Protein backbone atom coordinates (compact mmCIF):
# COMPACT_ATOMS: atom_id res chain seq x y z
CA MET A 1 177.10 68.67 225.72
CA ASP A 2 178.69 70.85 223.02
CA THR A 3 181.02 72.31 225.65
CA LEU A 4 182.65 68.91 226.14
CA THR A 5 185.53 68.55 223.70
CA THR A 6 188.64 67.02 225.29
CA ALA A 7 189.33 63.68 226.95
CA ARG A 8 189.70 65.54 230.24
CA ASP A 9 186.24 67.08 229.76
CA PHE A 10 184.60 63.72 229.21
CA ILE A 11 186.40 62.05 232.11
CA ARG A 12 185.20 64.78 234.46
CA TRP A 13 181.67 64.71 233.03
CA GLY A 14 181.45 60.95 233.23
CA ALA A 15 182.64 60.93 236.83
CA SER A 16 180.04 63.54 237.76
CA ARG A 17 177.29 61.51 236.08
CA PHE A 18 178.41 58.32 237.83
CA ASN A 19 178.46 59.96 241.25
CA ALA A 20 175.07 61.57 240.71
CA ALA A 21 173.63 58.20 239.70
CA GLY A 22 175.00 56.49 242.80
CA LEU A 23 176.92 53.80 240.94
CA VAL A 24 178.92 51.17 242.82
CA PHE A 25 182.51 50.43 241.85
CA GLY A 26 184.87 47.56 242.52
CA HIS A 27 185.45 45.84 239.17
CA GLY A 28 188.95 47.13 238.59
CA THR A 29 188.30 50.69 239.72
CA ALA A 30 187.52 52.14 243.14
CA ASN A 31 185.88 55.47 242.31
CA ALA A 32 183.91 57.36 239.69
CA LEU A 33 186.89 59.29 238.30
CA ASP A 34 189.00 56.19 237.68
CA GLU A 35 186.02 54.39 236.15
CA SER A 36 185.26 57.27 233.81
CA ALA A 37 188.91 57.50 232.81
CA ALA A 38 189.02 53.76 232.08
CA LEU A 39 186.00 54.06 229.83
CA VAL A 40 187.27 57.11 227.92
CA MET A 41 190.74 55.60 227.44
CA HIS A 42 189.17 52.41 226.09
CA VAL A 43 187.27 54.34 223.43
CA LEU A 44 190.42 56.27 222.48
CA HIS A 45 192.60 53.11 222.46
CA LEU A 46 195.10 54.82 224.74
CA ASP A 47 197.08 53.67 227.78
CA HIS A 48 196.01 55.00 231.18
CA ASP A 49 199.51 56.28 231.90
CA LEU A 50 199.77 58.54 228.87
CA PRO A 51 201.26 62.05 229.34
CA ASP A 52 198.87 64.37 231.14
CA ASP A 53 198.78 66.94 228.34
CA CYS A 54 197.29 64.33 226.00
CA LEU A 55 194.08 64.58 228.01
CA ASP A 56 193.61 68.03 226.49
CA SER A 57 193.33 66.61 222.97
CA ALA A 58 189.93 67.06 221.34
CA LEU A 59 187.81 63.99 220.63
CA THR A 60 186.43 63.37 217.16
CA THR A 61 182.68 63.36 216.62
CA ALA A 62 182.66 59.56 216.45
CA GLU A 63 184.70 59.24 219.65
CA ARG A 64 182.41 61.64 221.49
CA GLY A 65 179.41 59.57 220.45
CA GLN A 66 180.99 56.33 221.64
CA VAL A 67 181.98 57.81 225.01
CA ILE A 68 178.54 59.28 225.61
CA LYS A 69 176.84 56.00 224.67
CA LEU A 70 179.00 53.99 227.06
CA ILE A 71 178.58 56.44 229.93
CA GLU A 72 174.81 56.36 229.51
CA SER A 73 174.82 52.56 229.26
CA ARG A 74 176.87 52.27 232.44
CA ILE A 75 174.26 54.32 234.30
CA GLU A 76 171.16 52.72 232.76
CA THR A 77 172.22 49.07 232.97
CA ARG A 78 174.47 49.19 236.07
CA LYS A 79 176.77 46.81 234.23
CA PRO A 80 180.47 46.99 235.11
CA VAL A 81 182.48 48.85 232.48
CA ALA A 82 184.33 45.65 231.56
CA TYR A 83 181.08 44.08 230.34
CA LEU A 84 180.30 47.14 228.22
CA THR A 85 183.75 47.29 226.63
CA HIS A 86 184.45 43.53 226.76
CA GLU A 87 187.91 44.30 228.08
CA ALA A 88 189.54 43.95 231.48
CA TRP A 89 193.13 44.25 232.64
CA PHE A 90 194.89 41.82 234.95
CA ALA A 91 198.61 41.59 235.76
CA GLY A 92 199.28 44.18 233.05
CA LEU A 93 197.53 42.06 230.40
CA SER A 94 194.34 42.68 228.44
CA PHE A 95 191.53 40.12 228.53
CA TYR A 96 188.19 39.67 226.81
CA VAL A 97 185.32 39.35 229.29
CA ASP A 98 181.55 39.05 229.21
CA GLU A 99 178.80 38.00 231.61
CA ARG A 100 179.90 34.36 231.52
CA VAL A 101 182.88 35.17 233.77
CA LEU A 102 183.74 37.39 236.71
CA VAL A 103 185.54 40.63 235.97
CA PRO A 104 189.25 40.05 236.83
CA ARG A 105 190.32 42.01 239.90
CA SER A 106 192.18 39.64 242.21
CA PRO A 107 195.22 40.81 244.22
CA ILE A 108 196.77 37.49 243.22
CA ALA A 109 198.10 39.44 240.21
CA GLU A 110 200.72 40.94 242.51
CA LEU A 111 201.85 37.47 243.62
CA ILE A 112 202.17 36.35 240.02
CA ALA A 113 204.27 39.42 239.20
CA ASP A 114 206.61 38.32 242.01
CA ARG A 115 206.52 34.74 240.67
CA PHE A 116 205.23 33.56 244.06
CA ALA A 117 208.60 34.31 245.66
CA PRO A 118 209.83 33.68 248.29
CA TRP A 119 207.57 30.62 248.73
CA VAL A 120 208.83 28.87 245.61
CA VAL A 121 212.01 28.92 243.57
CA PRO A 122 210.67 30.24 240.24
CA GLN A 123 213.15 28.26 238.15
CA GLN A 124 211.92 25.04 239.77
CA VAL A 125 208.23 25.59 239.00
CA GLY A 126 207.38 23.14 236.26
CA SER A 127 203.60 23.02 236.57
CA VAL A 128 200.83 25.41 237.65
CA LEU A 129 197.11 24.85 238.12
CA ASP A 130 194.63 27.72 237.92
CA LEU A 131 191.54 26.34 239.66
CA CYS A 132 188.20 28.07 238.90
CA THR A 133 189.87 29.89 236.02
CA GLY A 134 186.91 31.91 234.72
CA SER A 135 188.33 34.19 232.02
CA GLY A 136 191.66 32.38 232.22
CA CYS A 137 193.44 35.49 233.48
CA ILE A 138 195.33 33.85 236.35
CA GLY A 139 196.47 30.87 234.30
CA ILE A 140 197.53 33.04 231.37
CA ALA A 141 199.41 35.44 233.64
CA CYS A 142 201.17 32.44 235.20
CA ALA A 143 202.16 31.22 231.75
CA TYR A 144 203.90 34.55 231.17
CA ALA A 145 205.54 34.47 234.62
CA PHE A 146 206.75 30.87 234.25
CA PRO A 147 207.61 30.44 230.56
CA GLU A 148 209.02 26.95 231.09
CA ALA A 149 206.05 25.61 233.08
CA ARG A 150 202.96 23.79 231.86
CA VAL A 151 199.76 25.49 232.95
CA ASP A 152 196.37 23.85 233.40
CA ALA A 153 193.28 26.03 233.82
CA VAL A 154 190.13 24.40 235.16
CA ASP A 155 186.50 25.47 235.41
CA ILE A 156 183.13 23.75 235.76
CA SER A 157 181.41 26.23 233.44
CA PRO A 158 181.52 25.57 229.66
CA GLY A 159 180.71 29.23 229.10
CA ALA A 160 183.65 30.37 231.19
CA LEU A 161 185.95 27.97 229.36
CA ALA A 162 184.80 29.41 226.04
CA VAL A 163 185.85 32.87 227.25
CA ALA A 164 189.13 31.46 228.56
CA GLN A 165 189.78 29.78 225.20
CA ARG A 166 189.31 33.11 223.47
CA ASN A 167 191.87 34.67 225.80
CA VAL A 168 194.35 31.82 225.40
CA GLU A 169 194.19 32.32 221.65
CA ARG A 170 194.38 36.09 222.06
CA HIS A 171 197.71 35.69 223.86
CA GLY A 172 198.99 32.96 221.55
CA LEU A 173 199.32 30.43 224.37
CA GLU A 174 197.47 27.44 222.88
CA ARG A 175 200.54 25.24 223.38
CA ARG A 176 201.24 26.49 226.89
CA VAL A 177 197.83 26.64 228.61
CA ARG A 178 195.53 23.62 228.70
CA LEU A 179 191.86 24.26 229.49
CA LEU A 180 189.93 21.52 231.29
CA GLU A 181 186.29 21.21 232.31
CA SER A 182 186.16 19.79 235.83
CA ASP A 183 184.29 20.17 239.09
CA LEU A 184 187.27 21.51 241.01
CA LEU A 185 189.91 18.76 241.25
CA GLU A 186 187.63 15.81 240.49
CA GLY A 187 188.68 15.50 236.85
CA LEU A 188 192.41 15.72 237.51
CA ALA A 189 193.21 12.20 238.69
CA GLY A 190 196.96 11.58 238.68
CA GLU A 191 197.89 15.22 238.02
CA ARG A 192 200.26 17.04 240.36
CA TYR A 193 201.44 20.65 240.35
CA ASP A 194 204.12 22.80 241.96
CA VAL A 195 201.62 25.63 242.43
CA ILE A 196 197.85 25.50 242.72
CA VAL A 197 196.31 28.96 242.70
CA SER A 198 192.60 29.67 242.96
CA ASN A 199 190.12 32.51 243.15
CA PRO A 200 187.03 30.37 243.85
CA PRO A 201 183.47 31.36 244.80
CA TYR A 202 183.38 32.58 248.42
CA VAL A 203 180.24 34.71 248.86
CA SER A 204 177.81 33.68 251.60
CA VAL A 205 174.06 33.31 251.17
CA LYS A 206 173.38 36.47 253.17
CA GLU A 207 175.91 38.49 251.19
CA MET A 208 174.49 37.24 247.88
CA GLN A 209 171.15 38.70 248.88
CA THR A 210 172.62 42.16 249.44
CA LEU A 211 174.98 42.47 246.46
CA PRO A 212 174.75 45.78 244.56
CA CYS A 213 173.32 45.69 241.03
CA GLU A 214 176.78 45.82 239.45
CA PHE A 215 177.77 42.52 241.06
CA ARG A 216 174.49 40.85 240.13
CA HIS A 217 175.54 41.01 236.48
CA GLU A 218 178.31 38.54 237.27
CA PRO A 219 177.59 34.79 237.15
CA ALA A 220 176.29 33.52 240.50
CA LEU A 221 178.22 30.29 239.89
CA GLY A 222 181.43 32.28 240.31
CA LEU A 223 180.32 33.95 243.53
CA ALA A 224 177.95 31.88 245.69
CA ALA A 225 179.43 29.22 247.96
CA GLY A 226 176.98 28.15 250.64
CA VAL A 227 175.79 29.53 253.95
CA ASP A 228 179.14 30.95 255.07
CA GLY A 229 180.75 31.16 251.63
CA MET A 230 183.29 28.46 252.39
CA ASP A 231 181.78 25.35 250.78
CA VAL A 232 183.98 25.44 247.67
CA VAL A 233 187.15 26.35 249.57
CA ALA A 234 186.50 23.46 251.96
CA ARG A 235 186.42 21.01 249.06
CA ILE A 236 189.68 22.42 247.71
CA LEU A 237 191.40 22.04 251.07
CA ARG A 238 190.24 18.47 251.41
CA THR A 239 191.81 17.26 248.13
CA ALA A 240 194.56 19.74 247.22
CA ALA A 241 197.37 17.65 248.75
CA ASP A 242 196.57 14.86 246.29
CA HIS A 243 197.49 17.19 243.44
CA LEU A 244 200.56 19.00 244.81
CA SER A 245 204.21 18.08 244.52
CA ALA A 246 206.06 17.49 247.79
CA SER A 247 207.41 21.07 247.68
CA GLY A 248 204.23 22.54 246.26
CA ILE A 249 202.06 25.36 247.57
CA LEU A 250 198.35 26.17 247.51
CA ILE A 251 197.26 29.82 247.20
CA VAL A 252 193.57 30.68 247.56
CA GLU A 253 191.66 33.95 247.70
CA VAL A 254 188.73 34.17 250.10
CA GLY A 255 188.54 37.96 250.35
CA TYR A 256 186.32 39.35 253.09
CA SER A 257 185.27 35.78 253.98
CA GLN A 258 188.59 35.29 255.78
CA PRO A 259 186.90 35.26 259.24
CA ALA A 260 184.49 32.54 258.07
CA LEU A 261 187.38 30.32 256.96
CA MET A 262 189.26 30.82 260.22
CA ALA A 263 186.10 29.99 262.14
CA ARG A 264 185.78 26.71 260.26
CA TYR A 265 189.42 25.74 260.82
CA PRO A 266 190.68 27.56 263.92
CA ASP A 267 193.72 25.30 264.31
CA VAL A 268 195.01 25.49 260.74
CA PRO A 269 198.06 27.79 260.35
CA PHE A 270 196.93 29.73 257.30
CA LEU A 271 199.57 32.18 256.11
CA TRP A 272 197.70 35.36 255.17
CA LEU A 273 199.63 37.17 252.48
CA GLU A 274 200.21 40.93 252.41
CA PHE A 275 199.97 43.14 249.34
CA GLU A 276 201.80 46.32 248.50
CA HIS A 277 199.08 47.57 246.15
CA GLY A 278 196.00 46.66 248.17
CA GLY A 279 194.02 43.50 248.72
CA GLU A 280 193.50 40.96 251.46
CA GLY A 281 192.06 37.57 252.23
CA VAL A 282 194.56 35.43 250.31
CA PHE A 283 196.16 32.52 252.13
CA MET A 284 198.93 30.05 251.42
CA LEU A 285 199.45 26.52 252.67
CA GLU A 286 202.31 24.20 251.85
CA TYR A 287 201.92 20.55 250.85
CA HIS A 288 203.06 19.19 254.22
CA GLN A 289 200.53 21.41 256.02
CA LEU A 290 197.68 20.16 253.85
CA VAL A 291 198.73 16.61 254.66
CA ALA A 292 199.09 17.33 258.37
CA TYR A 293 195.60 18.82 258.62
CA ARG A 294 193.91 16.47 256.16
CA GLN A 295 191.81 14.88 258.91
CA ALA A 296 190.52 18.29 260.00
CA PHE A 297 189.60 19.18 256.42
CA GLU A 298 187.88 15.84 255.79
CA SER A 299 185.98 15.74 259.06
CA ARG A 300 184.76 19.31 258.64
CA VAL A 301 183.37 18.55 255.18
CA ALA A 302 181.68 15.43 256.56
CA GLN A 303 180.16 17.39 259.42
CA ARG A 304 178.74 20.00 257.07
CA ALA A 305 177.30 17.33 254.79
CA SER A 306 175.72 15.53 257.76
CA ALA A 307 174.21 18.75 259.08
CA SER A 308 172.81 19.60 255.67
CA GLY A 309 171.26 16.14 255.36
CA ALA A 310 169.67 16.41 258.79
CA LYS A 311 168.01 19.71 257.87
CA GLU A 312 166.49 18.16 254.78
């Protein structure tokens, strides 16, 4: 251990330890090297894009101790780095996170950076709803992207809303972002928005049973969504039109559960969005489409409820 002195040394050592331990990644990083770098840079309070020669700077004794402790904790607990450091990055912004919320990692960040163009005229967006807000990252990023818009951020979990409140205050957006406890759209009677954006639970029962240890540290409430993972999304589709403006859009992430959604609604013309920096499984529907297919959404929910009742 005495031979490890520089940031570069510890990043390499951490990556080797992570690979040897068989860790699983996917909470903001895709491999052991990036994960180790994220951890070391957090301890050093440095940006990830710092000049390369800075990596050859020697760590202090205290810094070395902190890095070693976090690397060992990552291996022993299998917790994502964000839960160990209580920091995650989304849309270029820093957020506090803990086990009450999912670790931010949605490709929706790229859409927010583009201000949802070309599907809306940014200057005409006066209201945004972040549904299933968790840490508040999507709603807060939208508040930055649309400085003239009001932003509501909704979650059913009081714990998640407490984390979101901490992040709203961290970014000084108490007057811009309103946090609401609601079971999806049920507590929003009379409210309408130009954009509804959501990263809801979409993990199937089978997939929940096979999740790696790292993902089991995240709240099941933010992941599990019925047999095929589409129960929550189905409820959103059924009522979203009641809360959109006439020119509004709905954007929802379903990730790798995209085939399950298309199987439920084979006739619905979901627009699957493409991402320059990676990511998939995010669809968009316009207000008029939600209205046009309302019967399909309502009947499908009724069918699932009837089938569930029959099994009981």
